[in-house]
N, C-alpha and C. Protein backbone atom coordinates (compact mmCIF):
# COMPACT_ATOMS: atom_id res chain seq x y z
N MET A 1 -3.08 29.68 18.93
CA MET A 1 -3.95 29.59 17.83
C MET A 1 -3.46 28.67 16.70
N LYS A 2 -2.12 28.89 16.42
CA LYS A 2 -1.31 28.29 15.25
C LYS A 2 -1.31 26.75 15.76
N ARG A 3 -1.00 26.55 16.75
CA ARG A 3 -0.92 24.98 17.30
C ARG A 3 -2.41 24.49 16.90
N VAL A 4 -3.49 24.86 17.31
CA VAL A 4 -4.81 24.29 16.92
C VAL A 4 -5.04 24.14 15.50
N PHE A 5 -4.65 25.00 14.86
CA PHE A 5 -4.54 25.11 13.35
C PHE A 5 -4.12 23.90 12.72
N TRP A 6 -2.55 23.69 13.04
CA TRP A 6 -1.74 22.63 12.65
C TRP A 6 -2.22 21.35 13.12
N MET A 7 -2.73 21.30 14.34
CA MET A 7 -3.21 19.87 14.82
C MET A 7 -4.56 19.71 14.03
N THR A 8 -5.43 20.61 13.81
CA THR A 8 -6.72 20.21 12.84
C THR A 8 -6.11 19.80 11.49
N VAL A 9 -5.17 20.43 10.92
CA VAL A 9 -4.62 20.06 9.60
C VAL A 9 -4.18 18.64 9.62
N VAL A 10 -3.43 18.28 10.64
CA VAL A 10 -2.77 16.82 10.83
C VAL A 10 -3.91 15.95 10.97
N PHE A 11 -5.04 16.36 11.85
CA PHE A 11 -5.95 15.37 12.02
C PHE A 11 -6.80 15.08 10.75
N ILE A 12 -6.90 16.11 10.00
CA ILE A 12 -7.77 15.85 8.84
C ILE A 12 -7.01 15.06 7.72
N LEU A 13 -5.70 15.34 7.70
CA LEU A 13 -4.73 14.49 6.79
C LEU A 13 -4.72 12.98 7.26
N LEU A 14 -4.71 12.87 8.51
CA LEU A 14 -4.50 11.54 9.10
C LEU A 14 -6.02 10.69 8.82
N PHE A 15 -7.00 11.25 8.99
CA PHE A 15 -8.25 10.58 8.80
C PHE A 15 -8.44 10.51 7.00
N ALA A 16 -7.97 11.21 6.53
CA ALA A 16 -8.02 11.14 4.94
C ALA A 16 -7.13 10.05 4.51
N ALA A 17 -5.84 10.02 5.05
CA ALA A 17 -5.01 8.87 4.54
C ALA A 17 -5.53 7.62 5.28
N ALA A 18 -6.05 7.49 6.24
CA ALA A 18 -6.69 6.26 6.81
C ALA A 18 -7.91 5.77 5.95
N PHE A 19 -8.58 6.77 5.56
CA PHE A 19 -9.69 6.39 4.62
C PHE A 19 -9.24 5.90 3.32
N TYR A 20 -8.14 6.43 2.72
CA TYR A 20 -7.71 6.14 1.51
C TYR A 20 -6.90 4.68 1.48
N GLY A 21 -6.41 4.71 2.70
CA GLY A 21 -5.72 3.16 2.73
C GLY A 21 -6.82 2.01 2.80
N VAL A 22 -7.79 2.31 3.65
CA VAL A 22 -9.02 1.46 3.78
C VAL A 22 -9.66 1.15 2.35
N GLN A 23 -9.87 2.09 1.56
CA GLN A 23 -10.28 2.12 0.12
C GLN A 23 -9.48 1.32 -0.55
N LYS A 24 -8.07 1.41 -0.58
CA LYS A 24 -7.15 0.61 -1.33
C LYS A 24 -7.24 -0.79 -1.06
N VAL A 25 -7.51 -1.24 0.27
CA VAL A 25 -7.48 -2.48 0.68
C VAL A 25 -8.89 -2.96 0.18
N GLN A 26 -9.94 -2.25 0.25
CA GLN A 26 -11.30 -2.86 -0.38
C GLN A 26 -11.51 -3.07 -1.77
N HIS A 27 -10.33 -2.44 -2.43
CA HIS A 27 -10.46 -2.60 -4.01
C HIS A 27 -9.81 -3.81 -4.53
N CYS A 28 -9.55 -4.68 -3.55
CA CYS A 28 -8.76 -5.93 -3.88
C CYS A 28 -9.91 -6.79 -4.39
N PRO A 29 -9.61 -7.48 -5.66
CA PRO A 29 -10.71 -8.33 -5.94
C PRO A 29 -11.05 -9.67 -5.19
N LEU A 30 -9.80 -10.03 -4.46
CA LEU A 30 -10.13 -11.29 -3.60
C LEU A 30 -10.91 -10.91 -2.44
N MET A 31 -11.10 -9.70 -2.15
CA MET A 31 -11.83 -9.51 -0.97
C MET A 31 -13.41 -9.01 -1.46
N GLY A 32 -13.78 -9.38 -2.57
CA GLY A 32 -15.07 -9.26 -3.00
C GLY A 32 -15.51 -7.96 -3.74
N SER A 33 -14.51 -7.13 -3.99
CA SER A 33 -14.75 -5.89 -4.70
C SER A 33 -14.87 -5.99 -6.07
N ALA A 34 -15.86 -5.25 -6.70
CA ALA A 34 -16.05 -5.29 -8.21
C ALA A 34 -14.77 -4.41 -8.76
N ALA A 35 -13.84 -4.05 -8.30
CA ALA A 35 -12.78 -3.13 -8.94
C ALA A 35 -11.67 -4.09 -9.24
N ALA A 36 -11.95 -5.14 -9.86
CA ALA A 36 -10.78 -5.87 -10.32
C ALA A 36 -9.91 -5.21 -11.10
N GLY A 37 -8.64 -5.44 -10.96
CA GLY A 37 -7.73 -4.92 -12.01
C GLY A 37 -7.23 -3.51 -11.66
N LYS A 38 -7.72 -2.79 -10.53
CA LYS A 38 -7.27 -1.55 -10.01
C LYS A 38 -5.97 -1.45 -9.73
N SER A 39 -5.24 -2.45 -9.12
CA SER A 39 -3.83 -2.38 -8.84
C SER A 39 -3.24 -3.64 -9.19
N ALA A 40 -2.12 -3.47 -10.18
CA ALA A 40 -1.37 -4.37 -11.00
C ALA A 40 -0.87 -5.56 -10.15
N TYR A 41 -0.54 -5.09 -8.84
CA TYR A 41 0.32 -6.09 -7.95
C TYR A 41 -0.67 -6.53 -6.80
N CYS A 42 -2.02 -6.45 -6.91
CA CYS A 42 -2.72 -6.53 -5.84
C CYS A 42 -3.12 -8.16 -5.86
N CYS A 43 -3.78 -8.68 -6.87
CA CYS A 43 -4.20 -9.89 -6.86
C CYS A 43 -3.99 -10.56 -8.29
N ALA A 44 -4.00 -12.02 -8.24
CA ALA A 44 -4.05 -12.76 -9.21
C ALA A 44 -5.16 -12.49 -10.26
N GLN A 45 -6.22 -12.28 -9.98
CA GLN A 45 -7.29 -11.99 -10.71
C GLN A 45 -7.15 -10.59 -11.48
N SER A 46 -6.25 -9.56 -10.93
CA SER A 46 -6.18 -8.35 -11.83
C SER A 46 -5.53 -8.64 -13.09
N GLY A 47 -5.17 -9.53 -13.59
CA GLY A 47 -4.82 -9.74 -14.96
C GLY A 47 -3.33 -9.68 -15.33
N ILE A 48 -2.65 -9.33 -14.20
CA ILE A 48 -0.99 -9.33 -14.62
C ILE A 48 -0.55 -10.37 -14.94
N TYR A 49 -0.87 -11.57 -14.15
CA TYR A 49 -0.27 -12.83 -14.44
C TYR A 49 -0.76 -13.37 -15.97
N ARG A 50 -1.69 -13.13 -16.36
CA ARG A 50 -2.13 -13.52 -17.71
C ARG A 50 -1.19 -12.74 -18.60
N ASN A 51 -1.04 -11.40 -18.36
CA ASN A 51 -0.08 -10.69 -19.24
C ASN A 51 1.34 -11.27 -19.31
N LEU A 52 1.64 -11.96 -18.27
CA LEU A 52 2.86 -12.62 -18.22
C LEU A 52 2.82 -14.01 -18.89
N SER A 53 1.69 -14.51 -19.43
CA SER A 53 1.62 -16.00 -19.84
C SER A 53 2.04 -16.94 -18.77
N ALA A 54 1.63 -16.68 -17.58
CA ALA A 54 1.91 -17.69 -16.46
C ALA A 54 1.27 -18.88 -16.78
N SER A 55 1.78 -20.01 -16.53
CA SER A 55 1.28 -21.29 -16.46
C SER A 55 0.25 -21.40 -15.33
N SER A 56 -0.74 -22.40 -15.45
CA SER A 56 -1.56 -22.66 -14.52
C SER A 56 -1.03 -22.87 -13.03
N GLU A 57 0.07 -23.70 -13.06
CA GLU A 57 0.71 -24.00 -11.74
C GLU A 57 1.29 -22.76 -11.27
N GLN A 58 1.79 -21.81 -12.19
CA GLN A 58 2.43 -20.37 -11.53
C GLN A 58 1.25 -19.60 -10.99
N GLN A 59 0.03 -19.65 -11.68
CA GLN A 59 -1.09 -18.84 -11.34
C GLN A 59 -1.72 -19.44 -10.14
N ASN A 60 -1.76 -20.71 -9.85
CA ASN A 60 -2.15 -21.31 -8.63
C ASN A 60 -1.09 -20.90 -7.23
N ALA A 61 0.30 -21.05 -7.72
CA ALA A 61 1.25 -20.64 -6.56
C ALA A 61 1.07 -19.23 -6.24
N ILE A 62 0.92 -18.35 -7.39
CA ILE A 62 0.77 -16.84 -7.05
C ILE A 62 -0.39 -16.77 -6.31
N ALA A 63 -1.68 -17.19 -6.68
CA ALA A 63 -2.80 -16.98 -5.90
C ALA A 63 -2.80 -17.31 -4.54
N LEU A 64 -2.10 -18.32 -4.10
CA LEU A 64 -1.71 -18.63 -2.68
C LEU A 64 -0.83 -17.58 -2.05
N LEU A 65 0.04 -17.16 -2.80
CA LEU A 65 0.90 -16.04 -2.31
C LEU A 65 0.09 -14.66 -1.98
N ASP A 66 -0.71 -14.48 -3.11
CA ASP A 66 -1.56 -13.30 -2.81
C ASP A 66 -2.70 -13.39 -1.85
N ARG A 67 -3.15 -14.56 -1.45
CA ARG A 67 -4.02 -14.71 -0.32
C ARG A 67 -3.19 -14.57 0.96
N GLU A 68 -2.09 -15.15 1.00
CA GLU A 68 -1.30 -14.81 2.20
C GLU A 68 -1.04 -13.46 2.43
N PHE A 69 -0.49 -12.74 1.51
CA PHE A 69 -0.19 -11.36 1.33
C PHE A 69 -1.43 -10.42 1.90
N ILE A 70 -2.41 -10.71 1.15
CA ILE A 70 -3.73 -9.95 1.59
C ILE A 70 -4.07 -9.99 3.02
N LYS A 71 -3.90 -11.34 3.60
CA LYS A 71 -4.39 -11.55 4.78
C LYS A 71 -3.34 -10.71 5.85
N GLU A 72 -2.09 -10.87 5.49
CA GLU A 72 -1.14 -9.86 6.31
C GLU A 72 -1.39 -8.46 6.21
N ARG A 73 -1.58 -8.13 4.87
CA ARG A 73 -2.01 -6.69 4.48
C ARG A 73 -3.14 -6.18 5.43
N ASN A 74 -4.12 -7.05 5.33
CA ASN A 74 -5.42 -6.43 6.09
C ASN A 74 -5.14 -6.44 7.63
N ARG A 75 -4.25 -7.37 8.05
CA ARG A 75 -3.99 -7.28 9.70
C ARG A 75 -3.06 -5.85 9.97
N LEU A 76 -2.26 -5.50 8.92
CA LEU A 76 -1.50 -4.50 9.23
C LEU A 76 -2.24 -3.20 8.99
N CYS A 77 -3.07 -3.18 8.07
CA CYS A 77 -4.03 -2.07 7.90
C CYS A 77 -4.78 -1.76 9.11
N MET A 78 -5.44 -2.97 9.62
CA MET A 78 -6.29 -2.59 10.91
C MET A 78 -5.38 -1.92 11.83
N GLN A 79 -4.04 -2.48 12.20
CA GLN A 79 -3.16 -1.88 13.14
C GLN A 79 -2.94 -0.50 12.77
N LEU A 80 -2.74 -0.04 11.52
CA LEU A 80 -2.37 1.15 11.09
C LEU A 80 -3.66 2.15 11.30
N CYS A 81 -4.83 1.69 11.10
CA CYS A 81 -5.97 2.53 11.23
C CYS A 81 -6.17 2.66 12.71
N GLN A 82 -5.90 1.72 13.62
CA GLN A 82 -6.04 1.83 15.08
C GLN A 82 -4.97 2.81 15.46
N SER A 83 -3.79 2.76 15.21
CA SER A 83 -2.71 3.62 15.54
C SER A 83 -2.95 5.20 15.06
N ARG A 84 -3.56 5.34 13.72
CA ARG A 84 -3.91 6.61 13.30
C ARG A 84 -4.99 7.23 14.15
N TYR A 85 -5.90 6.54 14.62
CA TYR A 85 -7.05 6.65 15.34
C TYR A 85 -6.65 7.16 16.77
N GLY A 86 -5.61 6.43 17.31
CA GLY A 86 -5.15 6.87 18.42
C GLY A 86 -4.35 8.14 18.44
N LEU A 87 -3.80 8.39 17.47
CA LEU A 87 -2.94 9.63 17.21
C LEU A 87 -4.22 10.75 16.99
N ALA A 88 -5.07 10.58 16.35
CA ALA A 88 -6.37 11.63 16.34
C ALA A 88 -6.87 11.92 17.55
N GLN A 89 -6.99 11.00 18.50
CA GLN A 89 -7.42 10.96 19.73
C GLN A 89 -6.55 11.93 20.65
N LEU A 90 -5.32 11.54 20.45
CA LEU A 90 -4.17 12.45 21.14
C LEU A 90 -4.22 13.73 20.85
N LEU A 91 -4.47 14.08 19.61
CA LEU A 91 -4.49 15.42 19.13
C LEU A 91 -5.62 16.34 19.73
N LEU A 92 -6.64 15.60 20.18
CA LEU A 92 -7.82 16.24 20.75
C LEU A 92 -7.55 16.55 22.17
N GLN A 93 -6.48 16.13 22.89
CA GLN A 93 -6.02 16.43 24.21
C GLN A 93 -5.47 17.88 24.31
N PRO A 94 -5.97 18.65 25.33
CA PRO A 94 -5.58 20.03 25.28
C PRO A 94 -4.03 20.05 25.94
N ASP A 95 -3.43 19.15 26.58
CA ASP A 95 -2.15 19.30 27.13
C ASP A 95 -1.29 18.28 26.48
N ILE A 96 -1.49 18.08 25.37
CA ILE A 96 -0.57 17.09 24.62
C ILE A 96 0.76 17.94 24.45
N THR A 97 1.90 16.85 24.47
CA THR A 97 3.28 17.29 24.28
C THR A 97 3.98 16.89 23.10
N GLN A 98 4.91 17.31 22.57
CA GLN A 98 5.49 17.05 21.30
C GLN A 98 6.09 15.77 21.45
N LYS A 99 6.60 15.23 22.70
CA LYS A 99 7.19 14.01 22.83
C LYS A 99 5.94 12.81 22.64
N GLU A 100 4.74 13.16 23.18
CA GLU A 100 3.66 12.13 22.95
C GLU A 100 3.24 12.22 21.51
N LEU A 101 3.19 13.30 20.74
CA LEU A 101 3.11 13.22 19.39
C LEU A 101 4.06 12.51 18.38
N ASP A 102 5.32 12.65 18.88
CA ASP A 102 6.40 12.07 18.25
C ASP A 102 6.46 10.66 18.38
N ASP A 103 6.11 10.02 19.52
CA ASP A 103 6.01 8.62 19.93
C ASP A 103 4.85 7.82 19.18
N LYS A 104 3.86 8.67 19.14
CA LYS A 104 2.60 8.19 18.35
C LYS A 104 2.92 8.18 16.86
N THR A 105 3.47 9.24 16.29
CA THR A 105 3.80 9.29 14.81
C THR A 105 4.76 8.32 14.60
N ALA A 106 5.68 7.91 15.51
CA ALA A 106 6.79 6.99 15.05
C ALA A 106 6.06 5.50 15.14
N GLU A 107 4.87 5.16 16.06
CA GLU A 107 4.20 4.10 15.95
C GLU A 107 3.58 3.86 14.65
N VAL A 108 2.87 4.78 14.30
CA VAL A 108 2.18 4.97 12.97
C VAL A 108 3.23 4.76 11.70
N ALA A 109 4.31 5.34 11.87
CA ALA A 109 5.26 5.02 10.73
C ALA A 109 5.89 3.74 10.88
N SER A 110 6.13 3.08 12.00
CA SER A 110 6.52 1.88 11.92
C SER A 110 5.71 0.65 11.39
N ILE A 111 4.36 0.96 11.64
CA ILE A 111 3.43 0.12 11.00
C ILE A 111 3.35 0.32 9.49
N GLN A 112 3.23 1.50 9.13
CA GLN A 112 3.39 1.80 7.60
C GLN A 112 4.63 1.08 7.23
N LEU A 113 5.68 1.18 7.67
CA LEU A 113 7.04 0.45 7.09
C LEU A 113 6.61 -1.16 7.09
N ALA A 114 6.03 -1.68 7.91
CA ALA A 114 5.86 -3.06 7.82
C ALA A 114 5.02 -3.40 6.69
N VAL A 115 4.05 -2.44 6.32
CA VAL A 115 3.18 -2.63 5.24
C VAL A 115 3.97 -2.69 4.09
N GLU A 116 4.83 -1.59 3.96
CA GLU A 116 5.75 -1.58 2.84
C GLU A 116 6.67 -2.80 2.69
N ARG A 117 7.20 -3.20 3.75
CA ARG A 117 8.11 -4.39 3.60
C ARG A 117 7.26 -5.56 3.22
N ALA A 118 6.20 -5.73 3.74
CA ALA A 118 5.42 -6.89 3.24
C ALA A 118 5.01 -6.88 1.79
N ALA A 119 4.83 -5.84 1.33
CA ALA A 119 4.51 -5.64 -0.11
C ALA A 119 5.64 -6.12 -0.92
N ALA A 120 6.84 -5.33 -0.64
CA ALA A 120 7.88 -5.83 -1.21
C ALA A 120 8.48 -7.28 -1.17
N ALA A 121 8.19 -7.74 0.03
CA ALA A 121 8.36 -9.23 0.14
C ALA A 121 7.66 -10.12 -0.78
N HIS A 122 6.32 -9.54 -0.91
CA HIS A 122 5.32 -10.35 -1.78
C HIS A 122 5.98 -10.27 -3.10
N VAL A 123 6.21 -9.07 -3.56
CA VAL A 123 6.76 -8.97 -5.16
C VAL A 123 7.83 -9.86 -5.22
N LEU A 124 8.86 -10.07 -4.41
CA LEU A 124 10.07 -10.83 -4.51
C LEU A 124 9.57 -12.34 -4.57
N LYS A 125 8.54 -12.69 -3.72
CA LYS A 125 8.12 -14.17 -3.72
C LYS A 125 7.44 -14.42 -4.96
N VAL A 126 6.67 -13.44 -5.43
CA VAL A 126 5.94 -13.77 -6.76
C VAL A 126 6.94 -13.92 -7.82
N ARG A 127 7.93 -13.03 -7.79
CA ARG A 127 8.94 -12.95 -8.86
C ARG A 127 9.73 -14.38 -8.98
N GLU A 128 9.98 -14.98 -7.84
CA GLU A 128 10.67 -16.24 -7.78
C GLU A 128 9.75 -17.42 -8.47
N THR A 129 8.46 -17.27 -8.58
CA THR A 129 7.63 -18.18 -9.17
C THR A 129 7.66 -18.15 -10.67
N LEU A 130 8.26 -17.13 -11.17
CA LEU A 130 8.22 -16.63 -12.74
C LEU A 130 9.63 -17.17 -13.25
N THR A 131 9.59 -17.32 -14.68
CA THR A 131 10.82 -17.59 -15.37
C THR A 131 11.56 -16.26 -15.53
N PRO A 132 12.95 -16.38 -15.87
CA PRO A 132 13.54 -15.01 -15.89
C PRO A 132 12.80 -13.94 -16.76
N GLU A 133 12.38 -14.28 -17.95
CA GLU A 133 11.70 -13.47 -18.86
C GLU A 133 10.54 -13.03 -18.37
N GLN A 134 9.49 -13.74 -17.64
CA GLN A 134 8.27 -13.26 -16.95
C GLN A 134 8.60 -12.27 -15.92
N ALA A 135 9.71 -12.77 -14.97
CA ALA A 135 10.03 -11.92 -13.86
C ALA A 135 10.64 -10.37 -14.60
N LYS A 136 11.29 -10.42 -15.68
CA LYS A 136 11.68 -9.13 -16.05
C LYS A 136 10.36 -8.23 -16.43
N LYS A 137 9.57 -9.06 -17.17
CA LYS A 137 8.17 -8.15 -17.47
C LYS A 137 7.57 -7.86 -16.51
N TYR A 138 7.19 -8.71 -15.20
CA TYR A 138 6.53 -8.33 -14.18
C TYR A 138 7.21 -7.12 -13.48
N MET A 139 8.50 -7.02 -13.22
CA MET A 139 9.12 -6.09 -12.41
C MET A 139 8.79 -4.79 -13.45
N GLU A 140 8.89 -4.73 -14.71
CA GLU A 140 8.56 -3.64 -15.51
C GLU A 140 7.24 -3.17 -15.51
N MET A 141 6.26 -4.09 -15.48
CA MET A 141 4.88 -3.54 -15.17
C MET A 141 4.72 -2.94 -14.06
N LEU A 142 5.22 -3.47 -12.84
CA LEU A 142 5.16 -3.00 -11.40
C LEU A 142 5.72 -1.60 -11.53
N TYR A 143 6.90 -1.48 -12.20
CA TYR A 143 7.59 -0.19 -12.10
C TYR A 143 6.65 0.86 -12.87
N ARG A 144 6.06 0.47 -14.04
CA ARG A 144 5.08 1.45 -14.76
C ARG A 144 4.04 1.83 -13.87
N ASP A 145 3.41 0.85 -13.13
CA ASP A 145 2.32 1.12 -12.19
C ASP A 145 2.64 2.05 -11.29
N VAL A 146 3.67 1.68 -10.64
CA VAL A 146 3.97 2.58 -9.54
C VAL A 146 4.46 4.16 -10.07
N CYS A 147 5.08 4.29 -11.17
CA CYS A 147 5.52 5.54 -11.65
C CYS A 147 4.04 6.18 -12.25
N SER A 148 3.18 5.39 -12.80
CA SER A 148 1.99 6.15 -13.23
C SER A 148 1.16 6.76 -12.04
N GLN A 149 1.55 6.23 -10.78
CA GLN A 149 0.68 6.92 -9.80
C GLN A 149 1.44 8.20 -9.17
N MET A 150 2.64 8.37 -9.67
CA MET A 150 3.52 9.36 -9.20
C MET A 150 3.50 10.56 -10.26
N ASP A 151 2.20 11.28 -10.36
CA ASP A 151 2.12 12.37 -11.21
C ASP A 151 2.40 13.66 -10.42
N GLY A 152 2.79 14.70 -10.99
CA GLY A 152 3.08 15.96 -10.30
C GLY A 152 1.83 16.56 -9.41
N LYS A 153 0.72 16.18 -9.73
CA LYS A 153 -0.44 16.68 -9.01
C LYS A 153 -0.42 16.10 -7.61
N SER A 154 -0.23 14.89 -7.35
CA SER A 154 -0.18 14.01 -6.31
C SER A 154 0.82 14.25 -5.37
N CYS A 155 1.99 14.14 -5.97
CA CYS A 155 3.15 14.23 -5.09
C CYS A 155 4.50 15.14 -5.41
N GLY A 156 4.21 15.85 -6.42
CA GLY A 156 5.21 16.73 -6.95
C GLY A 156 6.25 16.21 -7.50
N PHE A 157 6.06 14.87 -7.88
CA PHE A 157 7.34 13.93 -8.55
C PHE A 157 6.93 13.50 -9.87
N SER A 158 7.92 13.59 -10.73
CA SER A 158 7.55 13.07 -12.10
C SER A 158 8.61 12.04 -12.50
N ALA A 159 8.17 10.88 -12.65
CA ALA A 159 9.05 9.80 -12.99
C ALA A 159 9.70 10.17 -14.33
N VAL A 160 10.85 9.80 -14.46
CA VAL A 160 11.53 10.02 -15.80
C VAL A 160 11.64 8.73 -16.38
N GLU A 161 11.32 8.60 -17.50
CA GLU A 161 11.32 7.24 -18.23
C GLU A 161 12.72 7.10 -18.73
N GLU A 162 13.31 5.85 -18.61
CA GLU A 162 14.49 5.77 -19.05
C GLU A 162 14.58 5.41 -20.69
N LYS A 163 15.61 5.94 -21.41
CA LYS A 163 15.70 5.88 -22.80
C LYS A 163 16.64 4.72 -22.93
N GLU A 164 16.04 3.86 -24.06
CA GLU A 164 16.68 2.67 -24.37
C GLU A 164 17.63 2.79 -25.44
């Protein structure tokens, strides 16, 4: 009975995470959403580059990087959703083994790792198009954006602001 309970909990969490991930992708202004500016590092139209006083050449270069990143992120997101769906289907099988669960969760984790690596690579590529002063401000804005998402309610972590 405990096993069925935990499998149900995992199943619900996986579907919630998949739904949340799809919603995050759909909030990108370059994908036609009205939610421009939701994520500071998502797209050129979010305004972060205007806050950096980026030149039109820089904005064009960054917009190209953003389009490439979004294309790759969407591809990975589809893989991630498919893999999570496969895990959910696996959980419905009555004779599932721990090894099968471990293998499938490792597959999900490897795709999520690829998403994180793509995002980090994108940030570095954008940073390379900026002047040193702009790059510093950009990284500080990203830091604040990431830390603002880590409140005690969502993950139990509180970012400590550095004192100057």
